[in-house]
Amino acid sequence: MEMYKSNDGKTFITLQAPYLTGTGRGYYAASAFCPDDAPGRDGYIPVYELRWEILPEEKYDPEYLDESCACNWDNIADYFEVSEMPESEKAEYME
């Protein structure tokens, strides 16, 4: 999948393609993990939800532009931990 870096320098690898969600204009979200996170004693690493803000209407009109233009993909607006996954599974996403 894709690799993204947050403004605080944390690197993420997505587990899925970003998707449109939320109310109003909404936002784009994707589940991801940080390849630098160490596993806990149980062998699991955190899974995060990444969020990107949709650009203002004067910069992005979905009638005329595709989703690749919807957000500043280099600027993760927010991220937070939502679940966890076995550390052994991250290799399949890093190829």
PDB file of N, CA and C in Angstrom:
ATOM      1  N   MET A   1       0.852  -1.186   0.000  1.00  0.00           N
ATOM      2  CA  MET A   1       0.000   0.000   0.000  1.00  0.00           C
ATOM      3  C   MET A   1       0.896   1.246   0.000  1.00  0.00           C
ATOM      4  N   GLU A   2       0.301   2.376   0.296  1.00  0.00           N
ATOM      5  CA  GLU A   2       1.022   3.650   0.223  1.00  0.00           C
ATOM      6  C   GLU A   2       1.667   4.016   1.553  1.00  0.00           C
ATOM      7  N   MET A   3       2.757   4.791   1.468  1.00  0.00           N
ATOM      8  CA  MET A   3       3.418   5.293   2.664  1.00  0.00           C
ATOM      9  C   MET A   3       3.154   6.790   2.777  1.00  0.00           C
ATOM     10  N   TYR A   4       2.841   7.237   3.997  1.00  0.00           N
ATOM     11  CA  TYR A   4       2.587   8.650   4.282  1.00  0.00           C
ATOM     12  C   TYR A   4       3.353   9.041   5.531  1.00  0.00           C
ATOM     13  N   LYS A   5       3.672  10.332   5.639  1.00  0.00           N
ATOM     14  CA  LYS A   5       4.364  10.836   6.819  1.00  0.00           C
ATOM     15  C   LYS A   5       3.545  11.972   7.413  1.00  0.00           C
ATOM     16  N   SER A   6       3.356  11.937   8.735  1.00  0.00           N
ATOM     17  CA  SER A   6       2.600  12.989   9.416  1.00  0.00           C
ATOM     18  C   SER A   6       3.488  14.209   9.629  1.00  0.00           C
ATOM     19  N   ASN A   7       2.875  15.317  10.015  1.00  0.00           N
ATOM     20  CA  ASN A   7       3.622  16.548  10.267  1.00  0.00           C
ATOM     21  C   ASN A   7       4.599  16.398  11.421  1.00  0.00           C
ATOM     22  N   ASP A   8       4.326  15.454  12.342  1.00  0.00           N
ATOM     23  CA  ASP A   8       5.245  15.237  13.464  1.00  0.00           C
ATOM     24  C   ASP A   8       6.318  14.194  13.136  1.00  0.00           C
ATOM     25  N   GLY A   9       6.377  13.751  11.879  1.00  0.00           N
ATOM     26  CA  GLY A   9       7.430  12.856  11.431  1.00  0.00           C
ATOM     27  C   GLY A   9       7.128  11.373  11.519  1.00  0.00           C
ATOM     28  N   LYS A  10       5.965  10.995  12.021  1.00  0.00           N
ATOM     29  CA  LYS A  10       5.605   9.580  12.137  1.00  0.00           C
ATOM     30  C   LYS A  10       5.245   9.048  10.749  1.00  0.00           C
ATOM     31  N   THR A  11       5.806   7.906  10.388  1.00  0.00           N
ATOM     32  CA  THR A  11       5.572   7.278   9.092  1.00  0.00           C
ATOM     33  C   THR A  11       4.472   6.233   9.216  1.00  0.00           C
ATOM     34  N   PHE A  12       3.602   6.175   8.214  1.00  0.00           N
ATOM     35  CA  PHE A  12       2.506   5.211   8.197  1.00  0.00           C
ATOM     36  C   PHE A  12       2.475   4.477   6.865  1.00  0.00           C
ATOM     37  N   ILE A  13       2.042   3.232   6.909  1.00  0.00           N
ATOM     38  CA  ILE A  13       1.754   2.449   5.708  1.00  0.00           C
ATOM     39  C   ILE A  13       0.285   2.072   5.781  1.00  0.00           C
ATOM     40  N   THR A  14      -0.454   2.410   4.729  1.00  0.00           N
ATOM     41  CA  THR A  14      -1.896   2.155   4.754  1.00  0.00           C
ATOM     42  C   THR A  14      -2.204   0.673   4.554  1.00  0.00           C
ATOM     43  N   LEU A  15      -3.290   0.258   5.175  1.00  0.00           N
ATOM     44  CA  LEU A  15      -3.801  -1.101   5.042  1.00  0.00           C
ATOM     45  C   LEU A  15      -4.887  -1.168   3.977  1.00  0.00           C
ATOM     46  N   GLN A  16      -5.320   0.004   3.514  1.00  0.00           N
ATOM     47  CA  GLN A  16      -6.388   0.108   2.525  1.00  0.00           C
ATOM     48  C   GLN A  16      -6.251   1.451   1.820  1.00  0.00           C
ATOM     49  N   ALA A  17      -6.899   1.596   0.707  1.00  0.00           N
ATOM     50  CA  ALA A  17      -6.911   2.884   0.015  1.00  0.00           C
ATOM     51  C   ALA A  17      -7.771   3.869   0.810  1.00  0.00           C
ATOM     52  N   PRO A  18      -7.388   5.155   0.842  1.00  0.00           N
ATOM     53  CA  PRO A  18      -8.236   6.141   1.518  1.00  0.00           C
ATOM     54  C   PRO A  18      -9.635   6.167   0.906  1.00  0.00           C
ATOM     55  N   TYR A  19     -10.624   6.394   1.758  1.00  0.00           N
ATOM     56  CA  TYR A  19     -12.026   6.410   1.328  1.00  0.00           C
ATOM     57  C   TYR A  19     -12.719   7.641   1.907  1.00  0.00           C
ATOM     58  N   LEU A  20     -13.742   8.106   1.208  1.00  0.00           N
ATOM     59  CA  LEU A  20     -14.521   9.268   1.620  1.00  0.00           C
ATOM     60  C   LEU A  20     -15.484   8.861   2.727  1.00  0.00           C
ATOM     61  N   THR A  21     -15.533   9.647   3.793  1.00  0.00           N
ATOM     62  CA  THR A  21     -16.435   9.377   4.911  1.00  0.00           C
ATOM     63  C   THR A  21     -16.765  10.694   5.603  1.00  0.00           C
ATOM     64  N   GLY A  22     -17.609  10.652   6.609  1.00  0.00           N
ATOM     65  CA  GLY A  22     -17.981  11.848   7.362  1.00  0.00           C
ATOM     66  C   GLY A  22     -19.234  12.504   6.813  1.00  0.00           C
ATOM     67  N   THR A  23     -19.611  13.608   7.434  1.00  0.00           N
ATOM     68  CA  THR A  23     -20.807  14.344   7.026  1.00  0.00           C
ATOM     69  C   THR A  23     -20.415  15.623   6.299  1.00  0.00           C
ATOM     70  N   GLY A  24     -21.382  16.248   5.631  1.00  0.00           N
ATOM     71  CA  GLY A  24     -21.083  17.459   4.866  1.00  0.00           C
ATOM     72  C   GLY A  24     -20.110  17.126   3.747  1.00  0.00           C
ATOM     73  N   ARG A  25     -19.055  17.916   3.617  1.00  0.00           N
ATOM     74  CA  ARG A  25     -18.015  17.610   2.621  1.00  0.00           C
ATOM     75  C   ARG A  25     -17.192  16.407   3.045  1.00  0.00           C
ATOM     76  N   GLY A  26     -17.236  16.066   4.328  1.00  0.00           N
ATOM     77  CA  GLY A  26     -16.552  14.878   4.818  1.00  0.00           C
ATOM     78  C   GLY A  26     -15.041  15.016   4.844  1.00  0.00           C
ATOM     79  N   TYR A  27     -14.379  13.887   4.841  1.00  0.00           N
ATOM     80  CA  TYR A  27     -12.923  13.795   4.847  1.00  0.00           C
ATOM     81  C   TYR A  27     -12.559  12.419   4.303  1.00  0.00           C
ATOM     82  N   TYR A  28     -11.311  12.234   3.999  1.00  0.00           N
ATOM     83  CA  TYR A  28     -10.826  10.921   3.583  1.00  0.00           C
ATOM     84  C   TYR A  28     -10.133  10.265   4.767  1.00  0.00           C
ATOM     85  N   ALA A  29     -10.301   8.947   4.881  1.00  0.00           N
ATOM     86  CA  ALA A  29      -9.717   8.188   5.982  1.00  0.00           C
ATOM     87  C   ALA A  29      -9.142   6.879   5.449  1.00  0.00           C
ATOM     88  N   ALA A  30      -8.196   6.333   6.193  1.00  0.00           N
ATOM     89  CA  ALA A  30      -7.629   5.017   5.870  1.00  0.00           C
ATOM     90  C   ALA A  30      -7.015   4.433   7.128  1.00  0.00           C
ATOM     91  N   SER A  31      -7.086   3.126   7.257  1.00  0.00           N
ATOM     92  CA  SER A  31      -6.400   2.431   8.345  1.00  0.00           C
ATOM     93  C   SER A  31      -4.938   2.263   7.955  1.00  0.00           C
ATOM     94  N   ALA A  32      -4.056   2.352   8.961  1.00  0.00           N
ATOM     95  CA  ALA A  32      -2.622   2.269   8.692  1.00  0.00           C
ATOM     96  C   ALA A  32      -1.876   1.813   9.938  1.00  0.00           C
ATOM     97  N   PHE A  33      -0.625   1.434   9.738  1.00  0.00           N
ATOM     98  CA  PHE A  33       0.250   1.139  10.873  1.00  0.00           C
ATOM     99  C   PHE A  33       1.553   1.895  10.680  1.00  0.00           C
ATOM    100  N   CYS A  34       2.289   2.056  11.755  1.00  0.00           N
ATOM    101  CA  CYS A  34       3.601   2.693  11.705  1.00  0.00           C
ATOM    102  C   CYS A  34       4.647   1.581  11.722  1.00  0.00           C
ATOM    103  N   PRO A  35       5.479   1.468  10.691  1.00  0.00           N
ATOM    104  CA  PRO A  35       6.469   0.393  10.658  1.00  0.00           C
ATOM    105  C   PRO A  35       7.506   0.499  11.768  1.00  0.00           C
ATOM    106  N   ASP A  36       7.609   1.665  12.398  1.00  0.00           N
ATOM    107  CA  ASP A  36       8.582   1.872  13.474  1.00  0.00           C
ATOM    108  C   ASP A  36       8.041   1.515  14.853  1.00  0.00           C
ATOM    109  N   ASP A  37       6.728   1.277  14.974  1.00  0.00           N
ATOM    110  CA  ASP A  37       6.154   0.917  16.273  1.00  0.00           C
ATOM    111  C   ASP A  37       6.636  -0.469  16.686  1.00  0.00           C
ATOM    112  N   ALA A  38       7.116  -0.568  17.911  1.00  0.00           N
ATOM    113  CA  ALA A  38       7.543  -1.865  18.449  1.00  0.00           C
ATOM    114  C   ALA A  38       6.316  -2.630  18.931  1.00  0.00           C
ATOM    115  N   PRO A  39       6.304  -3.937  18.747  1.00  0.00           N
ATOM    116  CA  PRO A  39       5.158  -4.716  19.236  1.00  0.00           C
ATOM    117  C   PRO A  39       5.149  -4.781  20.758  1.00  0.00           C
ATOM    118  N   GLY A  40       3.946  -4.919  21.294  1.00  0.00           N
ATOM    119  CA  GLY A  40       3.808  -5.121  22.726  1.00  0.00           C
ATOM    120  C   GLY A  40       4.197  -6.542  23.089  1.00  0.00           C
ATOM    121  N   ARG A  41       4.100  -6.864  24.360  1.00  0.00           N
ATOM    122  CA  ARG A  41       4.434  -8.218  24.817  1.00  0.00           C
ATOM    123  C   ARG A  41       3.570  -9.281  24.145  1.00  0.00           C
ATOM    124  N   ASP A  42       2.390  -8.868  23.704  1.00  0.00           N
ATOM    125  CA  ASP A  42       1.480  -9.815  23.045  1.00  0.00           C
ATOM    126  C   ASP A  42       1.767  -9.980  21.553  1.00  0.00           C
ATOM    127  N   GLY A  43       2.769  -9.238  21.026  1.00  0.00           N
ATOM    128  CA  GLY A  43       3.132  -9.352  19.618  1.00  0.00           C
ATOM    129  C   GLY A  43       2.296  -8.506  18.674  1.00  0.00           C
ATOM    130  N   TYR A  44       1.508  -7.580  19.217  1.00  0.00           N
ATOM    131  CA  TYR A  44       0.633  -6.734  18.402  1.00  0.00           C
ATOM    132  C   TYR A  44       1.177  -5.310  18.316  1.00  0.00           C
ATOM    133  N   ILE A  45       0.887  -4.661  17.187  1.00  0.00           N
ATOM    134  CA  ILE A  45       1.232  -3.252  16.991  1.00  0.00           C
ATOM    135  C   ILE A  45      -0.058  -2.455  16.798  1.00  0.00           C
ATOM    136  N   PRO A  46      -0.007  -1.138  17.087  1.00  0.00           N
ATOM    137  CA  PRO A  46      -1.208  -0.314  16.918  1.00  0.00           C
ATOM    138  C   PRO A  46      -1.608  -0.153  15.451  1.00  0.00           C
ATOM    139  N   VAL A  47      -2.913  -0.046  15.230  1.00  0.00           N
ATOM    140  CA  VAL A  47      -3.482   0.334  13.931  1.00  0.00           C
ATOM    141  C   VAL A  47      -4.122   1.702  14.131  1.00  0.00           C
ATOM    142  N   TYR A  48      -3.861   2.612  13.220  1.00  0.00           N
ATOM    143  CA  TYR A  48      -4.330   3.990  13.311  1.00  0.00           C
ATOM    144  C   TYR A  48      -5.353   4.280  12.224  1.00  0.00           C
ATOM    145  N   GLU A  49      -6.185   5.281  12.476  1.00  0.00           N
ATOM    146  CA  GLU A  49      -6.994   5.858  11.409  1.00  0.00           C
ATOM    147  C   GLU A  49      -6.326   7.164  11.028  1.00  0.00           C
ATOM    148  N   LEU A  50      -5.991   7.293   9.753  1.00  0.00           N
ATOM    149  CA  LEU A  50      -5.446   8.542   9.215  1.00  0.00           C
ATOM    150  C   LEU A  50      -6.596   9.324   8.611  1.00  0.00           C
ATOM    151  N   ARG A  51      -6.522  10.650   8.734  1.00  0.00           N
ATOM    152  CA  ARG A  51      -7.561  11.501   8.131  1.00  0.00           C
ATOM    153  C   ARG A  51      -6.922  12.636   7.341  1.00  0.00           C
ATOM    154  N   TRP A  52      -7.514  12.893   6.190  1.00  0.00           N
ATOM    155  CA  TRP A  52      -7.111  14.013   5.344  1.00  0.00           C
ATOM    156  C   TRP A  52      -8.313  14.918   5.130  1.00  0.00           C
ATOM    157  N   GLU A  53      -8.102  16.216   5.240  1.00  0.00           N
ATOM    158  CA  GLU A  53      -9.175  17.184   4.977  1.00  0.00           C
ATOM    159  C   GLU A  53      -9.338  17.362   3.471  1.00  0.00           C
ATOM    160  N   ILE A  54     -10.571  17.485   3.046  1.00  0.00           N
ATOM    161  CA  ILE A  54     -10.852  17.772   1.637  1.00  0.00           C
ATOM    162  C   ILE A  54     -10.562  19.245   1.385  1.00  0.00           C
ATOM    163  N   LEU A  55      -9.942  19.530   0.267  1.00  0.00           N
ATOM    164  CA  LEU A  55      -9.607  20.910  -0.073  1.00  0.00           C
ATOM    165  C   LEU A  55     -10.870  21.752  -0.206  1.00  0.00           C
ATOM    166  N   PRO A  56     -10.758  23.065   0.005  1.00  0.00           N
ATOM    167  CA  PRO A  56     -11.926  23.945  -0.157  1.00  0.00           C
ATOM    168  C   PRO A  56     -12.497  23.854  -1.572  1.00  0.00           C
ATOM    169  N   GLU A  57     -13.775  24.190  -1.700  1.00  0.00           N
ATOM    170  CA  GLU A  57     -14.475  24.073  -2.987  1.00  0.00           C
ATOM    171  C   GLU A  57     -13.786  24.827  -4.119  1.00  0.00           C
ATOM    172  N   GLU A  58     -13.159  25.959  -3.816  1.00  0.00           N
ATOM    173  CA  GLU A  58     -12.497  26.713  -4.889  1.00  0.00           C
ATOM    174  C   GLU A  58     -11.237  25.996  -5.396  1.00  0.00           C
ATOM    175  N   LYS A  59     -10.725  25.019  -4.646  1.00  0.00           N
ATOM    176  CA  LYS A  59      -9.548  24.262  -5.084  1.00  0.00           C
ATOM    177  C   LYS A  59      -9.886  22.854  -5.564  1.00  0.00           C
ATOM    178  N   TYR A  60     -11.041  22.337  -5.128  1.00  0.00           N
ATOM    179  CA  TYR A  60     -11.427  20.982  -5.539  1.00  0.00           C
ATOM    180  C   TYR A  60     -12.927  20.911  -5.761  1.00  0.00           C
ATOM    181  N   ASP A  61     -13.306  20.648  -7.001  1.00  0.00           N
ATOM    182  CA  ASP A  61     -14.707  20.446  -7.349  1.00  0.00           C
ATOM    183  C   ASP A  61     -14.842  19.017  -7.855  1.00  0.00           C
ATOM    184  N   PRO A  62     -15.527  18.150  -7.101  1.00  0.00           N
ATOM    185  CA  PRO A  62     -15.602  16.738  -7.489  1.00  0.00           C
ATOM    186  C   PRO A  62     -16.273  16.488  -8.838  1.00  0.00           C
ATOM    187  N   GLU A  63     -17.009  17.470  -9.346  1.00  0.00           N
ATOM    188  CA  GLU A  63     -17.628  17.298 -10.667  1.00  0.00           C
ATOM    189  C   GLU A  63     -16.594  17.331 -11.784  1.00  0.00           C
ATOM    190  N   TYR A  64     -15.470  18.034 -11.543  1.00  0.00           N
ATOM    191  CA  TYR A  64     -14.492  18.240 -12.600  1.00  0.00           C
ATOM    192  C   TYR A  64     -13.133  17.609 -12.330  1.00  0.00           C
ATOM    193  N   LEU A  65     -12.862  17.215 -11.088  1.00  0.00           N
ATOM    194  CA  LEU A  65     -11.561  16.645 -10.737  1.00  0.00           C
ATOM    195  C   LEU A  65     -11.744  15.284 -10.074  1.00  0.00           C
ATOM    196  N   ASP A  66     -10.782  14.396 -10.261  1.00  0.00           N
ATOM    197  CA  ASP A  66     -10.897  13.085  -9.620  1.00  0.00           C
ATOM    198  C   ASP A  66     -10.394  13.141  -8.171  1.00  0.00           C
ATOM    199  N   GLU A  67     -10.572  12.035  -7.460  1.00  0.00           N
ATOM    200  CA  GLU A  67     -10.255  12.000  -6.033  1.00  0.00           C
ATOM    201  C   GLU A  67      -8.774  12.211  -5.730  1.00  0.00           C
ATOM    202  N   SER A  68      -7.906  11.972  -6.688  1.00  0.00           N
ATOM    203  CA  SER A  68      -6.483  12.187  -6.433  1.00  0.00           C
ATOM    204  C   SER A  68      -6.178  13.660  -6.160  1.00  0.00           C
ATOM    205  N   CYS A  69      -7.103  14.546  -6.528  1.00  0.00           N
ATOM    206  CA  CYS A  69      -6.946  15.987  -6.308  1.00  0.00           C
ATOM    207  C   CYS A  69      -7.741  16.486  -5.102  1.00  0.00           C
ATOM    208  N   ALA A  70      -8.426  15.596  -4.401  1.00  0.00           N
ATOM    209  CA  ALA A  70      -9.355  15.999  -3.343  1.00  0.00           C
ATOM    210  C   ALA A  70      -8.683  16.542  -2.099  1.00  0.00           C
ATOM    211  N   CYS A  71      -7.485  16.070  -1.803  1.00  0.00           N
ATOM    212  CA  CYS A  71      -6.803  16.423  -0.552  1.00  0.00           C
ATOM    213  C   CYS A  71      -5.344  16.737  -0.835  1.00  0.00           C
ATOM    214  N   ASN A  72      -4.711  17.350   0.139  1.00  0.00           N
ATOM    215  CA  ASN A  72      -3.257  17.442   0.128  1.00  0.00           C
ATOM    216  C   ASN A  72      -2.774  16.153   0.786  1.00  0.00           C
ATOM    217  N   TRP A  73      -2.492  15.141  -0.010  1.00  0.00           N
ATOM    218  CA  TRP A  73      -2.166  13.809   0.510  1.00  0.00           C
ATOM    219  C   TRP A  73      -0.866  13.795   1.293  1.00  0.00           C
ATOM    220  N   ASP A  74      -0.048  14.839   1.162  1.00  0.00           N
ATOM    221  CA  ASP A  74       1.195  14.932   1.929  1.00  0.00           C
ATOM    222  C   ASP A  74       0.973  15.534   3.308  1.00  0.00           C
ATOM    223  N   ASN A  75      -0.270  15.880   3.624  1.00  0.00           N
ATOM    224  CA  ASN A  75      -0.574  16.527   4.900  1.00  0.00           C
ATOM    225  C   ASN A  75      -1.695  15.766   5.613  1.00  0.00           C
ATOM    226  N   ILE A  76      -1.335  14.828   6.472  1.00  0.00           N
ATOM    227  CA  ILE A  76      -2.325  14.104   7.274  1.00  0.00           C
ATOM    228  C   ILE A  76      -2.897  15.096   8.280  1.00  0.00           C
ATOM    229  N   ALA A  77      -4.205  15.297   8.254  1.00  0.00           N
ATOM    230  CA  ALA A  77      -4.844  16.258   9.157  1.00  0.00           C
ATOM    231  C   ALA A  77      -4.870  15.745  10.595  1.00  0.00           C
ATOM    232  N   ASP A  78      -5.047  14.431  10.763  1.00  0.00           N
ATOM    233  CA  ASP A  78      -5.144  13.852  12.101  1.00  0.00           C
ATOM    234  C   ASP A  78      -4.925  12.348  12.004  1.00  0.00           C
ATOM    235  N   TYR A  79      -4.501  11.763  13.097  1.00  0.00           N
ATOM    236  CA  TYR A  79      -4.435  10.304  13.192  1.00  0.00           C
ATOM    237  C   TYR A  79      -4.633   9.903  14.639  1.00  0.00           C
ATOM    238  N   PHE A  80      -5.197   8.723  14.827  1.00  0.00           N
ATOM    239  CA  PHE A  80      -5.396   8.214  16.182  1.00  0.00           C
ATOM    240  C   PHE A  80      -5.484   6.696  16.145  1.00  0.00           C
ATOM    241  N   GLU A  81      -5.138   6.079  17.261  1.00  0.00           N
ATOM    242  CA  GLU A  81      -5.137   4.624  17.361  1.00  0.00           C
ATOM    243  C   GLU A  81      -6.566   4.107  17.439  1.00  0.00           C
ATOM    244  N   VAL A  82      -6.871   3.084  16.643  1.00  0.00           N
ATOM    245  CA  VAL A  82      -8.224   2.524  16.627  1.00  0.00           C
ATOM    246  C   VAL A  82      -8.272   1.037  16.969  1.00  0.00           C
ATOM    247  N   SER A  83      -7.181   0.326  16.753  1.00  0.00           N
ATOM    248  CA  SER A  83      -7.160  -1.107  17.057  1.00  0.00           C
ATOM    249  C   SER A  83      -5.710  -1.579  17.050  1.00  0.00           C
ATOM    250  N   GLU A  84      -5.517  -2.872  16.865  1.00  0.00           N
ATOM    251  CA  GLU A  84      -4.172  -3.416  16.779  1.00  0.00           C
ATOM    252  C   GLU A  84      -4.167  -4.615  15.841  1.00  0.00           C
ATOM    253  N   MET A  85      -2.962  -4.998  15.428  1.00  0.00           N
ATOM    254  CA  MET A  85      -2.811  -6.136  14.526  1.00  0.00           C
ATOM    255  C   MET A  85      -1.544  -6.887  14.900  1.00  0.00           C
ATOM    256  N   PRO A  86      -1.445  -8.156  14.545  1.00  0.00           N
ATOM    257  CA  PRO A  86      -0.211  -8.892  14.816  1.00  0.00           C
ATOM    258  C   PRO A  86       0.956  -8.269  14.048  1.00  0.00           C
ATOM    259  N   GLU A  87       2.062  -8.089  14.711  1.00  0.00           N
ATOM    260  CA  GLU A  87       3.247  -7.509  14.087  1.00  0.00           C
ATOM    261  C   GLU A  87       3.690  -8.342  12.889  1.00  0.00           C
ATOM    262  N   SER A  88       3.435  -9.625  12.931  1.00  0.00           N
ATOM    263  CA  SER A  88       3.837 -10.533  11.850  1.00  0.00           C
ATOM    264  C   SER A  88       3.120 -10.235  10.530  1.00  0.00           C
ATOM    265  N   GLU A  89       1.993  -9.535  10.558  1.00  0.00           N
ATOM    266  CA  GLU A  89       1.228  -9.243   9.338  1.00  0.00           C
ATOM    267  C   GLU A  89       1.732  -8.024   8.571  1.00  0.00           C
ATOM    268  N   LYS A  90       2.563  -7.193   9.193  1.00  0.00           N
ATOM    269  CA  LYS A  90       2.956  -5.950   8.516  1.00  0.00           C
ATOM    270  C   LYS A  90       3.815  -6.193   7.278  1.00  0.00           C
ATOM    271  N   ALA A  91       4.538  -7.302   7.221  1.00  0.00           N
ATOM    272  CA  ALA A  91       5.413  -7.571   6.070  1.00  0.00           C
ATOM    273  C   ALA A  91       4.636  -7.620   4.758  1.00  0.00           C
ATOM    274  N   GLU A  92       3.414  -8.146   4.777  1.00  0.00           N
ATOM    275  CA  GLU A  92       2.651  -8.253   3.527  1.00  0.00           C
ATOM    276  C   GLU A  92       2.256  -6.892   2.961  1.00  0.00           C
ATOM    277  N   TYR A  93       2.254  -5.839   3.782  1.00  0.00           N
ATOM    278  CA  TYR A  93       1.902  -4.492   3.318  1.00  0.00           C
ATOM    279  C   TYR A  93       3.136  -3.676   2.931  1.00  0.00           C
ATOM    280  N   MET A  94       4.315  -4.172   3.275  1.00  0.00           N
ATOM    281  CA  MET A  94       5.543  -3.413   3.053  1.00  0.00           C
ATOM    282  C   MET A  94       6.267  -3.820   1.775  1.00  0.00           C
ATOM    283  N   GLU A  95       5.691  -4.704   0.986  1.00  0.00           N
ATOM    284  CA  GLU A  95       6.343  -5.169  -0.248  1.00  0.00           C
ATOM    285  C   GLU A  95       6.193  -4.192  -1.375  1.00  0.00           C
TER     286      GLU A  95
END
